[in-house]
Amino acid sequence: MTRNQDVGRHSEEYVSDYLVRRGCKILARNYTVHNVGEIDIICEYKGKILVIEVKSRDFHERFGTPEEAVTPAKQKKVMLTAAAFCKEKGISLERVSYYAAGVTHDASGNILNVQFTPFF
């Protein structure tokens, strides 16, 4: 596994744990629909379904902020995948909110900050 994959996995775990500590119920992790897309975390909080795409970057931000990495094309894939999840589970799309969880870390991979930014 590459360093980027390790940092990405650690970031997803951190965000997932963060959400659980704040009262979210995790419904799915790495939910995938073949030829459509993948969602890092799907959880429920106070009756809302939160669809979360986790992106991480080092503190230098050489390639922009983590949230900027969730491009309109990626957002579309996430939304189509969320629609499939909701159909499968009998959940109304009106309950769904979409977020990019931008994780900033240092050169060693230690998490410095998490920023949740809504999209859609």
Protein backbone atom coordinates (compact mmCIF):
# COMPACT_ATOMS: atom_id res chain seq x y z
CA MET A 1 0.00 0.00 0.00
CA THR A 2 1.30 3.44 -0.90
CA ARG A 3 1.75 6.30 1.57
CA ASN A 4 -1.16 8.18 -0.03
CA GLN A 5 -3.41 5.16 0.41
CA ASP A 6 -2.35 4.86 4.06
CA VAL A 7 -3.02 8.56 4.70
CA GLY A 8 -6.37 8.31 2.88
CA ARG A 9 -7.45 5.29 4.91
CA HIS A 10 -6.35 6.97 8.15
CA SER A 11 -8.28 10.11 7.18
CA GLU A 12 -11.46 8.11 6.50
CA GLU A 13 -11.12 6.32 9.85
CA TYR A 14 -10.60 9.62 11.63
CA VAL A 15 -13.65 11.24 10.02
CA SER A 16 -15.78 8.16 10.70
CA ASP A 17 -14.75 8.12 14.38
CA TYR A 18 -15.34 11.89 14.60
CA LEU A 19 -18.88 11.48 13.28
CA VAL A 20 -19.68 8.61 15.66
CA ARG A 21 -18.43 10.65 18.64
CA ARG A 22 -20.88 13.38 17.65
CA GLY A 23 -23.85 11.02 17.53
CA CYS A 24 -23.92 9.83 13.94
CA LYS A 25 -24.84 6.26 13.07
CA ILE A 26 -22.64 4.89 10.28
CA LEU A 27 -24.82 3.20 7.64
CA ALA A 28 -22.09 2.33 5.11
CA ARG A 29 -18.39 2.77 4.43
CA ASN A 30 -16.89 2.67 0.95
CA TYR A 31 -20.30 2.00 -0.61
CA THR A 32 -19.73 1.22 -4.29
CA VAL A 33 -22.00 0.93 -7.29
CA HIS A 34 -20.27 -0.71 -10.26
CA ASN A 35 -19.67 1.72 -13.14
CA VAL A 36 -21.20 4.60 -11.16
CA GLY A 37 -19.09 5.58 -8.16
CA GLU A 38 -18.10 5.16 -4.53
CA ILE A 39 -19.01 6.97 -1.32
CA ASP A 40 -16.56 7.02 1.57
CA ILE A 41 -19.07 7.37 4.43
CA ILE A 42 -22.86 7.33 4.65
CA CYS A 43 -24.32 8.08 8.07
CA GLU A 44 -27.50 9.20 9.77
CA TYR A 45 -27.77 12.14 12.12
CA LYS A 46 -31.04 13.45 13.56
CA GLY A 47 -33.08 11.97 10.72
CA LYS A 48 -30.80 13.27 7.96
CA ILE A 49 -28.63 11.08 5.76
CA LEU A 50 -25.13 12.52 5.43
CA VAL A 51 -23.11 11.47 2.40
CA ILE A 52 -19.45 12.25 2.99
CA GLU A 53 -16.58 12.27 0.51
CA VAL A 54 -13.27 12.35 2.38
CA LYS A 55 -10.28 14.07 0.76
CA SER A 56 -6.91 14.62 2.36
CA ARG A 57 -3.98 16.87 1.55
CA ASP A 58 -0.77 17.77 3.29
CA PHE A 59 -0.48 21.16 4.93
CA HIS A 60 1.46 22.63 1.99
CA GLU A 61 -1.73 22.60 -0.15
CA ARG A 62 0.33 22.26 -3.32
CA PHE A 63 -2.70 20.95 -5.18
CA GLY A 64 -5.36 23.14 -3.57
CA THR A 65 -7.51 22.42 -0.56
CA PRO A 66 -8.91 18.94 0.02
CA GLU A 67 -12.45 20.22 -0.59
CA GLU A 68 -11.44 21.54 -4.03
CA ALA A 69 -10.57 17.97 -5.02
CA VAL A 70 -14.29 17.12 -4.94
CA THR A 71 -14.88 18.37 -8.47
CA PRO A 72 -18.31 18.75 -10.07
CA ALA A 73 -17.71 15.45 -11.91
CA LYS A 74 -16.93 13.71 -8.60
CA GLN A 75 -19.96 15.32 -6.98
CA LYS A 76 -22.17 13.94 -9.76
CA LYS A 77 -20.79 10.42 -9.23
CA VAL A 78 -21.34 10.69 -5.48
CA MET A 79 -24.91 11.87 -6.01
CA LEU A 80 -25.71 9.05 -8.46
CA THR A 81 -24.23 6.52 -6.04
CA ALA A 82 -26.23 8.03 -3.16
CA ALA A 83 -29.41 7.72 -5.25
CA ALA A 84 -28.70 4.00 -5.72
CA PHE A 85 -28.07 3.57 -1.98
CA CYS A 86 -31.29 5.37 -1.10
CA LYS A 87 -33.31 3.33 -3.59
CA GLU A 88 -31.83 0.11 -2.21
CA LYS A 89 -32.63 1.14 1.39
CA GLY A 90 -35.99 2.84 0.72
CA ILE A 91 -34.72 6.27 1.81
CA SER A 92 -36.12 9.51 0.39
CA LEU A 93 -33.51 11.65 -1.36
CA GLU A 94 -35.03 14.66 0.40
CA ARG A 95 -33.31 13.43 3.59
CA VAL A 96 -29.83 13.47 2.00
CA SER A 97 -27.12 16.10 2.47
CA TYR A 98 -23.73 15.96 0.76
CA TYR A 99 -20.41 16.99 2.31
CA ALA A 100 -16.74 17.00 1.44
CA ALA A 101 -14.65 16.28 4.53
CA GLY A 102 -11.33 17.97 3.88
CA VAL A 103 -8.58 16.51 6.03
CA THR A 104 -5.29 18.39 6.34
CA HIS A 105 -2.26 16.53 7.66
CA ASP A 106 1.43 17.13 8.24
CA ALA A 107 4.31 15.48 6.38
CA SER A 108 4.15 12.48 8.73
CA GLY A 109 0.43 11.95 8.09
CA ASN A 110 -0.73 13.31 11.45
CA ILE A 111 -4.12 14.97 11.11
CA LEU A 112 -4.10 18.71 11.73
CA ASN A 113 -7.63 19.75 10.77
CA VAL A 114 -10.96 18.51 9.37
CA GLN A 115 -13.28 20.86 7.50
CA PHE A 116 -16.79 19.83 6.41
CA THR A 117 -18.05 21.67 3.33
CA PRO A 118 -21.51 21.04 1.87
CA PHE A 119 -21.91 20.51 -1.84
CA PHE A 120 -24.83 20.15 -4.31
